[in-house]
Amino acid sequence: MPRHLAFLRAINLGAHHQVPMAELRERLVAAGFTEVETHIHTGNIALTSRMRSAIKVEAAIEDLLRDWRGFEVPTMVRSPGEFHAMVQAIEATPPLLDDQARRYVAFAKGEVSATAQGALTAYADTPERCRVVGRDLLLELAGNVPAPRLGGARLERLAGTTFTSRDIKVVRAIDEKWSTT
């Protein structure tokens, strides 16, 4: 059965959109997923399913969360191999700003069009940079950016799709933990 890595958007931030990871694991198993694991409390999940399609796995998790928690949770699914290849491509990308910049990966729900890619990489005069890597984004922020212009809703508006972002340290830990299993 195929292994999938799922990334949930905007959960466990403040008092809203709380999703207890232990209960989520139980509910995913009850829904037919196996070998369910989570990594930290920000919605990083590894699971096995009879479903081969990432889109079907995304929909199943989103439906479960909507029915259980009562709110929408966009979910982005990658295969371990796809995830590992993305991490290798990002690690091979030289710094877009400098060695001190903070790096993040933004997992895209849908396609980032060529037009959107141009808009996302047009920030040459700011302390933030963005590059499309496969179907996801590498974001870099200078250490002193109080309110990134390429964050949240603006990033999604420019790209034309929903994202969820993770710090590169979390991405590396997930790659080490789950891409080789």
N, C-alpha and C. Protein backbone atom coordinates (compact mmCIF):
# COMPACT_ATOMS: atom_id res chain seq x y z
N MET A 1 0.85 -1.19 0.00
CA MET A 1 0.00 0.00 0.00
C MET A 1 0.88 1.24 0.00
N PRO A 2 0.47 2.28 -0.72
CA PRO A 2 1.29 3.49 -0.82
C PRO A 2 1.37 4.28 0.49
N ARG A 3 2.54 4.85 0.70
CA ARG A 3 2.79 5.74 1.84
C ARG A 3 2.59 7.16 1.35
N HIS A 4 2.00 8.00 2.19
CA HIS A 4 1.74 9.41 1.85
C HIS A 4 2.20 10.29 3.00
N LEU A 5 2.65 11.49 2.66
CA LEU A 5 2.97 12.52 3.65
C LEU A 5 1.95 13.64 3.45
N ALA A 6 1.26 14.00 4.51
CA ALA A 6 0.22 15.03 4.43
C ALA A 6 0.60 16.22 5.30
N PHE A 7 0.30 17.41 4.80
CA PHE A 7 0.61 18.65 5.50
C PHE A 7 -0.67 19.45 5.62
N LEU A 8 -1.09 19.69 6.86
CA LEU A 8 -2.33 20.41 7.14
C LEU A 8 -2.02 21.89 7.29
N ARG A 9 -2.92 22.72 6.79
CA ARG A 9 -2.73 24.17 6.83
C ARG A 9 -3.44 24.77 8.02
N ALA A 10 -2.73 25.63 8.73
CA ALA A 10 -3.28 26.52 9.76
C ALA A 10 -4.03 25.80 10.86
N ILE A 11 -3.42 24.77 11.44
CA ILE A 11 -4.03 24.15 12.61
C ILE A 11 -3.18 24.42 13.83
N ASN A 12 -3.82 24.35 15.00
CA ASN A 12 -3.17 24.50 16.30
C ASN A 12 -2.43 25.84 16.43
N LEU A 13 -3.04 26.89 15.86
CA LEU A 13 -2.51 28.24 15.99
C LEU A 13 -3.44 29.00 16.92
N GLY A 14 -2.98 29.31 18.11
CA GLY A 14 -3.84 30.00 19.06
C GLY A 14 -5.01 29.12 19.50
N ALA A 15 -6.12 29.74 19.84
CA ALA A 15 -7.28 29.00 20.36
C ALA A 15 -8.15 28.43 19.26
N HIS A 16 -7.94 28.85 18.04
CA HIS A 16 -8.80 28.42 16.94
C HIS A 16 -8.14 27.29 16.15
N HIS A 17 -8.97 26.53 15.49
CA HIS A 17 -8.53 25.44 14.62
C HIS A 17 -7.64 24.43 15.34
N GLN A 18 -8.04 24.05 16.53
CA GLN A 18 -7.29 23.05 17.28
C GLN A 18 -7.60 21.65 16.76
N VAL A 19 -6.56 20.88 16.55
CA VAL A 19 -6.68 19.50 16.10
C VAL A 19 -5.72 18.66 16.95
N PRO A 20 -6.24 17.98 17.98
CA PRO A 20 -5.37 17.15 18.82
C PRO A 20 -4.76 16.00 18.00
N MET A 21 -3.44 15.94 17.98
CA MET A 21 -2.75 14.97 17.12
C MET A 21 -3.05 13.51 17.52
N ALA A 22 -3.11 13.20 18.81
CA ALA A 22 -3.39 11.82 19.21
C ALA A 22 -4.77 11.40 18.72
N GLU A 23 -5.74 12.26 18.88
CA GLU A 23 -7.10 11.93 18.43
C GLU A 23 -7.16 11.89 16.90
N LEU A 24 -6.43 12.76 16.24
CA LEU A 24 -6.39 12.72 14.77
C LEU A 24 -5.85 11.38 14.29
N ARG A 25 -4.77 10.91 14.92
CA ARG A 25 -4.22 9.60 14.54
C ARG A 25 -5.27 8.51 14.70
N GLU A 26 -6.00 8.52 15.82
CA GLU A 26 -7.05 7.52 16.05
C GLU A 26 -8.14 7.59 14.99
N ARG A 27 -8.56 8.79 14.65
CA ARG A 27 -9.63 8.97 13.67
C ARG A 27 -9.17 8.56 12.26
N LEU A 28 -7.92 8.83 11.93
CA LEU A 28 -7.40 8.40 10.63
C LEU A 28 -7.36 6.88 10.54
N VAL A 29 -6.96 6.22 11.61
CA VAL A 29 -6.95 4.75 11.63
C VAL A 29 -8.39 4.24 11.49
N ALA A 30 -9.33 4.84 12.22
CA ALA A 30 -10.73 4.43 12.12
C ALA A 30 -11.28 4.64 10.71
N ALA A 31 -10.73 5.60 9.98
CA ALA A 31 -11.17 5.88 8.61
C ALA A 31 -10.49 4.96 7.59
N GLY A 32 -9.61 4.06 8.04
CA GLY A 32 -9.01 3.09 7.14
C GLY A 32 -7.55 3.32 6.80
N PHE A 33 -6.94 4.38 7.31
CA PHE A 33 -5.52 4.60 7.09
C PHE A 33 -4.73 3.73 8.07
N THR A 34 -3.51 3.37 7.71
CA THR A 34 -2.67 2.57 8.58
C THR A 34 -1.31 3.25 8.75
N GLU A 35 -0.53 2.75 9.70
CA GLU A 35 0.82 3.27 9.96
C GLU A 35 0.80 4.80 10.07
N VAL A 36 -0.17 5.32 10.82
CA VAL A 36 -0.35 6.77 10.96
C VAL A 36 0.61 7.31 12.01
N GLU A 37 1.40 8.30 11.62
CA GLU A 37 2.33 8.98 12.52
C GLU A 37 2.18 10.48 12.33
N THR A 38 2.48 11.24 13.38
CA THR A 38 2.51 12.70 13.25
C THR A 38 3.87 13.20 13.72
N HIS A 39 4.23 14.38 13.25
CA HIS A 39 5.49 15.02 13.64
C HIS A 39 5.18 16.42 14.12
N ILE A 40 5.50 16.71 15.34
CA ILE A 40 5.16 17.94 16.07
C ILE A 40 3.66 18.23 15.92
N HIS A 41 3.20 19.36 16.39
CA HIS A 41 1.76 19.63 16.47
C HIS A 41 1.25 20.55 15.38
N THR A 42 1.97 20.65 14.27
CA THR A 42 1.55 21.59 13.22
C THR A 42 0.91 20.90 12.02
N GLY A 43 0.57 19.63 12.16
CA GLY A 43 -0.14 18.96 11.08
C GLY A 43 0.74 18.32 10.03
N ASN A 44 1.74 17.60 10.45
CA ASN A 44 2.60 16.83 9.55
C ASN A 44 2.28 15.37 9.81
N ILE A 45 1.80 14.66 8.79
CA ILE A 45 1.31 13.30 8.98
C ILE A 45 1.93 12.37 7.95
N ALA A 46 2.34 11.20 8.39
CA ALA A 46 2.72 10.11 7.49
C ALA A 46 1.68 9.02 7.69
N LEU A 47 1.21 8.45 6.58
CA LEU A 47 0.21 7.39 6.68
C LEU A 47 0.24 6.53 5.44
N THR A 48 -0.34 5.36 5.57
CA THR A 48 -0.44 4.42 4.47
C THR A 48 -1.91 4.25 4.14
N SER A 49 -2.20 4.08 2.85
CA SER A 49 -3.59 3.97 2.43
C SER A 49 -3.69 3.08 1.20
N ARG A 50 -4.84 2.49 1.01
CA ARG A 50 -5.11 1.76 -0.22
C ARG A 50 -5.28 2.73 -1.39
N MET A 51 -5.60 3.99 -1.07
CA MET A 51 -5.75 5.00 -2.11
C MET A 51 -4.38 5.33 -2.68
N ARG A 52 -4.27 5.32 -3.98
CA ARG A 52 -3.01 5.63 -4.64
C ARG A 52 -2.91 7.12 -4.99
N SER A 53 -4.03 7.76 -5.19
CA SER A 53 -4.07 9.15 -5.62
C SER A 53 -3.90 10.11 -4.45
N ALA A 54 -2.93 11.01 -4.57
CA ALA A 54 -2.73 12.04 -3.54
C ALA A 54 -3.98 12.90 -3.41
N ILE A 55 -4.64 13.19 -4.51
CA ILE A 55 -5.85 14.02 -4.47
C ILE A 55 -6.95 13.34 -3.65
N LYS A 56 -7.09 12.02 -3.79
CA LYS A 56 -8.09 11.29 -3.02
C LYS A 56 -7.73 11.27 -1.53
N VAL A 57 -6.45 11.12 -1.22
CA VAL A 57 -6.02 11.14 0.18
C VAL A 57 -6.28 12.52 0.77
N GLU A 58 -5.93 13.58 0.02
CA GLU A 58 -6.21 14.94 0.49
C GLU A 58 -7.70 15.11 0.80
N ALA A 59 -8.55 14.70 -0.12
CA ALA A 59 -10.00 14.85 0.06
C ALA A 59 -10.49 14.06 1.26
N ALA A 60 -9.99 12.85 1.45
CA ALA A 60 -10.42 12.02 2.58
C ALA A 60 -10.04 12.68 3.91
N ILE A 61 -8.83 13.21 4.01
CA ILE A 61 -8.40 13.87 5.24
C ILE A 61 -9.20 15.16 5.46
N GLU A 62 -9.39 15.93 4.41
CA GLU A 62 -10.17 17.17 4.53
C GLU A 62 -11.60 16.89 4.96
N ASP A 63 -12.22 15.86 4.39
CA ASP A 63 -13.59 15.49 4.77
C ASP A 63 -13.65 15.06 6.23
N LEU A 64 -12.69 14.24 6.66
CA LEU A 64 -12.64 13.79 8.04
C LEU A 64 -12.53 14.98 8.99
N LEU A 65 -11.63 15.90 8.69
CA LEU A 65 -11.43 17.07 9.56
C LEU A 65 -12.67 17.98 9.57
N ARG A 66 -13.29 18.19 8.43
CA ARG A 66 -14.49 19.04 8.36
C ARG A 66 -15.62 18.43 9.20
N ASP A 67 -15.81 17.11 9.04
CA ASP A 67 -16.87 16.44 9.78
C ASP A 67 -16.59 16.41 11.28
N TRP A 68 -15.35 16.19 11.65
CA TRP A 68 -14.96 16.05 13.05
C TRP A 68 -14.81 17.40 13.75
N ARG A 69 -14.06 18.33 13.13
CA ARG A 69 -13.74 19.60 13.80
C ARG A 69 -14.65 20.76 13.40
N GLY A 70 -15.34 20.62 12.28
CA GLY A 70 -16.28 21.67 11.88
C GLY A 70 -15.68 22.84 11.14
N PHE A 71 -14.47 22.70 10.64
CA PHE A 71 -13.86 23.75 9.84
C PHE A 71 -13.01 23.13 8.74
N GLU A 72 -12.75 23.93 7.71
CA GLU A 72 -11.96 23.48 6.56
C GLU A 72 -10.47 23.46 6.91
N VAL A 73 -9.80 22.41 6.51
CA VAL A 73 -8.35 22.31 6.70
C VAL A 73 -7.74 21.87 5.37
N PRO A 74 -7.27 22.84 4.56
CA PRO A 74 -6.61 22.45 3.32
C PRO A 74 -5.43 21.51 3.63
N THR A 75 -5.33 20.46 2.84
CA THR A 75 -4.33 19.42 3.05
C THR A 75 -3.54 19.21 1.77
N MET A 76 -2.23 19.15 1.89
CA MET A 76 -1.35 18.92 0.75
C MET A 76 -0.64 17.59 0.97
N VAL A 77 -0.71 16.70 -0.01
CA VAL A 77 -0.14 15.36 0.12
C VAL A 77 0.98 15.16 -0.89
N ARG A 78 2.06 14.55 -0.42
CA ARG A 78 3.19 14.20 -1.27
C ARG A 78 3.58 12.75 -0.99
N SER A 79 4.17 12.10 -1.98
CA SER A 79 4.75 10.78 -1.74
C SER A 79 6.09 11.00 -1.05
N PRO A 80 6.58 10.01 -0.30
CA PRO A 80 7.91 10.17 0.31
C PRO A 80 9.00 10.46 -0.73
N GLY A 81 8.93 9.80 -1.88
CA GLY A 81 9.92 10.04 -2.93
C GLY A 81 9.85 11.45 -3.49
N GLU A 82 8.65 11.93 -3.75
CA GLU A 82 8.46 13.29 -4.24
C GLU A 82 8.97 14.30 -3.21
N PHE A 83 8.65 14.06 -1.94
CA PHE A 83 9.09 14.94 -0.87
C PHE A 83 10.61 14.97 -0.79
N HIS A 84 11.24 13.80 -0.82
CA HIS A 84 12.70 13.72 -0.74
C HIS A 84 13.37 14.43 -1.91
N ALA A 85 12.83 14.26 -3.12
CA ALA A 85 13.40 14.94 -4.30
C ALA A 85 13.29 16.45 -4.15
N MET A 86 12.17 16.93 -3.61
CA MET A 86 12.00 18.37 -3.39
C MET A 86 13.03 18.87 -2.38
N VAL A 87 13.23 18.13 -1.30
CA VAL A 87 14.21 18.54 -0.28
C VAL A 87 15.61 18.58 -0.89
N GLN A 88 15.97 17.59 -1.68
CA GLN A 88 17.29 17.58 -2.32
C GLN A 88 17.45 18.78 -3.25
N ALA A 89 16.40 19.10 -4.00
CA ALA A 89 16.46 20.26 -4.91
C ALA A 89 16.63 21.56 -4.12
N ILE A 90 15.94 21.67 -3.01
CA ILE A 90 16.07 22.88 -2.19
C ILE A 90 17.46 22.96 -1.58
N GLU A 91 17.96 21.85 -1.08
CA GLU A 91 19.31 21.85 -0.48
C GLU A 91 20.37 22.19 -1.52
N ALA A 92 20.13 21.88 -2.78
CA ALA A 92 21.08 22.18 -3.85
C ALA A 92 20.95 23.62 -4.35
N THR A 93 19.91 24.33 -3.92
CA THR A 93 19.69 25.72 -4.34
C THR A 93 20.56 26.65 -3.48
N PRO A 94 21.45 27.41 -4.12
CA PRO A 94 22.27 28.34 -3.34
C PRO A 94 21.38 29.37 -2.64
N PRO A 95 21.88 29.98 -1.57
CA PRO A 95 21.07 31.00 -0.87
C PRO A 95 20.57 32.06 -1.86
N LEU A 96 19.31 32.41 -1.71
CA LEU A 96 18.71 33.44 -2.56
C LEU A 96 19.03 34.83 -2.01
N LEU A 97 19.27 34.93 -0.72
CA LEU A 97 19.64 36.19 -0.08
C LEU A 97 21.08 36.09 0.44
N ASP A 98 21.22 35.44 1.59
CA ASP A 98 22.54 35.22 2.18
C ASP A 98 22.44 34.02 3.11
N ASP A 99 23.54 33.64 3.70
CA ASP A 99 23.57 32.46 4.57
C ASP A 99 22.76 32.64 5.85
N GLN A 100 22.42 33.87 6.20
CA GLN A 100 21.69 34.13 7.44
C GLN A 100 20.17 34.15 7.24
N ALA A 101 19.71 34.10 6.03
CA ALA A 101 18.27 34.17 5.75
C ALA A 101 17.57 32.92 6.28
N ARG A 102 16.34 33.10 6.71
CA ARG A 102 15.51 31.98 7.16
C ARG A 102 14.86 31.35 5.94
N ARG A 103 14.90 30.03 5.86
CA ARG A 103 14.31 29.30 4.73
C ARG A 103 13.04 28.58 5.17
N TYR A 104 12.06 28.61 4.27
CA TYR A 104 10.80 27.92 4.48
C TYR A 104 10.41 27.21 3.19
N VAL A 105 9.62 26.16 3.32
CA VAL A 105 9.03 25.50 2.17
C VAL A 105 7.54 25.72 2.25
N ALA A 106 6.95 26.18 1.15
CA ALA A 106 5.50 26.36 1.07
C ALA A 106 4.97 25.27 0.14
N PHE A 107 4.19 24.36 0.71
CA PHE A 107 3.60 23.26 -0.06
C PHE A 107 2.35 23.76 -0.76
N ALA A 108 2.30 23.61 -2.08
CA ALA A 108 1.19 24.12 -2.88
C ALA A 108 0.08 23.09 -2.99
N LYS A 109 -1.15 23.56 -2.89
CA LYS A 109 -2.32 22.70 -3.08
C LYS A 109 -2.53 22.41 -4.56
N GLY A 110 -2.37 23.42 -5.39
CA GLY A 110 -2.58 23.27 -6.83
C GLY A 110 -1.36 23.72 -7.61
N GLU A 111 -1.54 23.85 -8.89
CA GLU A 111 -0.46 24.27 -9.78
C GLU A 111 -0.14 25.76 -9.60
N VAL A 112 1.14 26.09 -9.71
CA VAL A 112 1.59 27.49 -9.75
C VAL A 112 1.89 27.76 -11.21
N SER A 113 1.08 28.60 -11.85
CA SER A 113 1.22 28.85 -13.29
C SER A 113 2.52 29.59 -13.59
N ALA A 114 2.92 29.58 -14.84
CA ALA A 114 4.13 30.31 -15.26
C ALA A 114 3.98 31.80 -14.97
N THR A 115 2.81 32.35 -15.19
CA THR A 115 2.56 33.76 -14.88
C THR A 115 2.74 34.02 -13.40
N ALA A 116 2.19 33.13 -12.59
CA ALA A 116 2.32 33.28 -11.14
C ALA A 116 3.78 33.14 -10.71
N GLN A 117 4.52 32.24 -11.35
CA GLN A 117 5.93 32.07 -11.01
C GLN A 117 6.69 33.38 -11.22
N GLY A 118 6.38 34.08 -12.29
CA GLY A 118 7.01 35.37 -12.54
C GLY A 118 6.70 36.37 -11.45
N ALA A 119 5.44 36.42 -11.03
CA ALA A 119 5.04 37.35 -9.97
C ALA A 119 5.72 37.00 -8.65
N LEU A 120 5.87 35.74 -8.38
CA LEU A 120 6.47 35.30 -7.11
C LEU A 120 7.98 35.57 -7.05
N THR A 121 8.63 35.59 -8.19
CA THR A 121 10.09 35.79 -8.19
C THR A 121 10.47 37.23 -8.50
N ALA A 122 9.52 38.13 -8.49
CA ALA A 122 9.78 39.53 -8.86
C ALA A 122 10.17 40.40 -7.66
N TYR A 123 10.63 39.81 -6.59
CA TYR A 123 10.93 40.57 -5.39
C TYR A 123 12.44 40.78 -5.23
N ALA A 124 13.11 41.17 -6.27
CA ALA A 124 14.56 41.31 -6.24
C ALA A 124 15.05 42.45 -5.35
N ASP A 125 14.19 43.42 -5.07
CA ASP A 125 14.61 44.58 -4.27
C ASP A 125 14.07 44.53 -2.84
N THR A 126 13.70 43.38 -2.37
CA THR A 126 13.16 43.25 -1.02
C THR A 126 13.98 42.25 -0.22
N PRO A 127 13.81 42.22 1.10
CA PRO A 127 14.55 41.27 1.93
C PRO A 127 13.88 39.89 1.99
N GLU A 128 13.21 39.52 0.92
CA GLU A 128 12.59 38.20 0.83
C GLU A 128 12.67 37.72 -0.61
N ARG A 129 12.77 36.42 -0.75
CA ARG A 129 12.89 35.82 -2.09
C ARG A 129 12.03 34.57 -2.16
N CYS A 130 11.68 34.20 -3.37
CA CYS A 130 10.85 33.02 -3.59
C CYS A 130 11.29 32.35 -4.88
N ARG A 131 11.40 31.02 -4.85
CA ARG A 131 11.69 30.23 -6.05
C ARG A 131 10.77 29.04 -6.08
N VAL A 132 10.28 28.72 -7.25
CA VAL A 132 9.48 27.51 -7.42
C VAL A 132 10.44 26.34 -7.52
N VAL A 133 10.18 25.31 -6.71
CA VAL A 133 10.99 24.10 -6.72
C VAL A 133 10.01 22.95 -6.91
N GLY A 134 9.99 22.40 -8.11
CA GLY A 134 8.98 21.38 -8.42
C GLY A 134 7.62 22.04 -8.42
N ARG A 135 6.73 21.56 -7.58
CA ARG A 135 5.41 22.20 -7.49
C ARG A 135 5.25 23.01 -6.22
N ASP A 136 6.33 23.13 -5.44
CA ASP A 136 6.30 23.85 -4.18
C ASP A 136 7.20 25.08 -4.26
N LEU A 137 7.27 25.83 -3.17
CA LEU A 137 8.05 27.06 -3.16
C LEU A 137 9.11 27.04 -2.08
N LEU A 138 10.26 27.58 -2.41
CA LEU A 138 11.30 27.89 -1.43
C LEU A 138 11.17 29.37 -1.12
N LEU A 139 10.97 29.70 0.14
CA LEU A 139 10.90 31.10 0.57
C LEU A 139 12.10 31.40 1.43
N GLU A 140 12.70 32.57 1.23
CA GLU A 140 13.78 33.02 2.09
C GLU A 140 13.45 34.41 2.59
N LEU A 141 13.66 34.60 3.89
CA LEU A 141 13.41 35.90 4.53
C LEU A 141 14.66 36.34 5.26
N ALA A 142 15.03 37.61 5.07
CA ALA A 142 16.14 38.16 5.85
C ALA A 142 15.71 38.17 7.31
N GLY A 143 16.66 38.10 8.19
CA GLY A 143 16.35 38.02 9.62
C GLY A 143 15.55 39.18 10.17
N ASN A 144 15.51 40.30 9.48
CA ASN A 144 14.87 41.49 10.02
C ASN A 144 13.54 41.83 9.34
N VAL A 145 12.87 40.87 8.73
CA VAL A 145 11.61 41.15 8.05
C VAL A 145 10.47 40.99 9.05
N PRO A 146 9.89 42.11 9.54
CA PRO A 146 8.83 42.01 10.55
C PRO A 146 7.50 41.49 9.97
N ALA A 147 7.18 41.88 8.76
CA ALA A 147 5.92 41.47 8.13
C ALA A 147 6.19 41.14 6.67
N PRO A 148 6.49 39.89 6.37
CA PRO A 148 6.83 39.52 4.99
C PRO A 148 5.72 39.85 4.01
N ARG A 149 6.09 40.36 2.86
CA ARG A 149 5.11 40.64 1.81
C ARG A 149 4.73 39.36 1.08
N LEU A 150 5.58 38.35 1.15
CA LEU A 150 5.30 37.08 0.50
C LEU A 150 4.75 36.04 1.47
N GLY A 151 3.99 36.48 2.43
CA GLY A 151 3.41 35.56 3.39
C GLY A 151 1.92 35.42 3.21
N GLY A 152 1.37 34.36 3.76
CA GLY A 152 -0.06 34.14 3.88
C GLY A 152 -0.89 34.41 2.65
N ALA A 153 -1.87 35.31 2.83
CA ALA A 153 -2.86 35.57 1.79
C ALA A 153 -2.23 36.16 0.53
N ARG A 154 -1.23 37.01 0.66
CA ARG A 154 -0.60 37.60 -0.52
C ARG A 154 0.10 36.53 -1.36
N LEU A 155 0.80 35.63 -0.70
CA LEU A 155 1.46 34.54 -1.40
C LEU A 155 0.43 33.72 -2.18
N GLU A 156 -0.68 33.41 -1.54
CA GLU A 156 -1.71 32.62 -2.20
C GLU A 156 -2.37 33.38 -3.35
N ARG A 157 -2.56 34.68 -3.18
CA ARG A 157 -3.15 35.49 -4.25
C ARG A 157 -2.22 35.53 -5.46
N LEU A 158 -0.94 35.74 -5.23
CA LEU A 158 0.02 35.79 -6.33
C LEU A 158 0.12 34.44 -7.05
N ALA A 159 0.13 33.36 -6.28
CA ALA A 159 0.33 32.03 -6.85
C ALA A 159 -0.95 31.43 -7.40
N GLY A 160 -2.09 31.88 -6.92
CA GLY A 160 -3.36 31.33 -7.38
C GLY A 160 -3.69 29.98 -6.79
N THR A 161 -3.09 29.65 -5.64
CA THR A 161 -3.38 28.38 -4.98
C THR A 161 -3.11 28.52 -3.48
N THR A 162 -3.61 27.58 -2.72
CA THR A 162 -3.43 27.54 -1.27
C THR A 162 -2.07 26.91 -0.95
N PHE A 163 -1.46 27.38 0.14
CA PHE A 163 -0.18 26.86 0.60
C PHE A 163 -0.21 26.59 2.10
N THR A 164 0.69 25.76 2.53
CA THR A 164 1.03 25.66 3.95
C THR A 164 2.55 25.64 4.02
N SER A 165 3.10 26.41 4.94
CA SER A 165 4.56 26.57 5.01
C SER A 165 5.14 25.87 6.23
N ARG A 166 6.39 25.42 6.06
CA ARG A 166 7.14 24.81 7.15
C ARG A 166 8.56 25.34 7.12
N ASP A 167 9.12 25.56 8.29
CA ASP A 167 10.51 25.94 8.43
C ASP A 167 11.38 24.83 7.85
N ILE A 168 12.50 25.19 7.25
CA ILE A 168 13.37 24.21 6.61
C ILE A 168 13.86 23.16 7.61
N LYS A 169 14.03 23.54 8.89
CA LYS A 169 14.48 22.57 9.89
C LYS A 169 13.43 21.47 10.07
N VAL A 170 12.17 21.83 10.06
CA VAL A 170 11.09 20.84 10.17
C VAL A 170 11.07 19.97 8.92
N VAL A 171 11.22 20.59 7.76
CA VAL A 171 11.23 19.85 6.49
C VAL A 171 12.37 18.83 6.48
N ARG A 172 13.53 19.24 6.92
CA ARG A 172 14.67 18.31 6.98
C ARG A 172 14.39 17.15 7.93
N ALA A 173 13.82 17.45 9.08
CA ALA A 173 13.51 16.41 10.07
C ALA A 173 12.49 15.42 9.50
N ILE A 174 11.48 15.92 8.81
CA ILE A 174 10.48 15.04 8.20
C ILE A 174 11.12 14.19 7.11
N ASP A 175 11.98 14.79 6.32
CA ASP A 175 12.67 14.04 5.27
C ASP A 175 13.49 12.89 5.88
N GLU A 176 14.22 13.18 6.92
CA GLU A 176 15.04 12.17 7.57
C GLU A 176 14.18 11.07 8.20
N LYS A 177 13.07 11.47 8.78
CA LYS A 177 12.20 10.55 9.50
C LYS A 177 11.35 9.69 8.57
N TRP A 178 10.82 10.27 7.48
CA TRP A 178 9.79 9.58 6.72
C TRP A 178 10.12 9.30 5.26
N SER A 179 11.10 9.97 4.69
CA SER A 179 11.36 9.74 3.26
C SER A 179 12.07 8.43 2.98
N THR A 180 12.68 7.87 4.00
CA THR A 180 13.42 6.63 3.79
C THR A 180 12.67 5.41 4.29
N THR A 181 11.43 5.61 4.78
CA THR A 181 10.67 4.47 5.32
C THR A 181 9.74 3.89 4.28
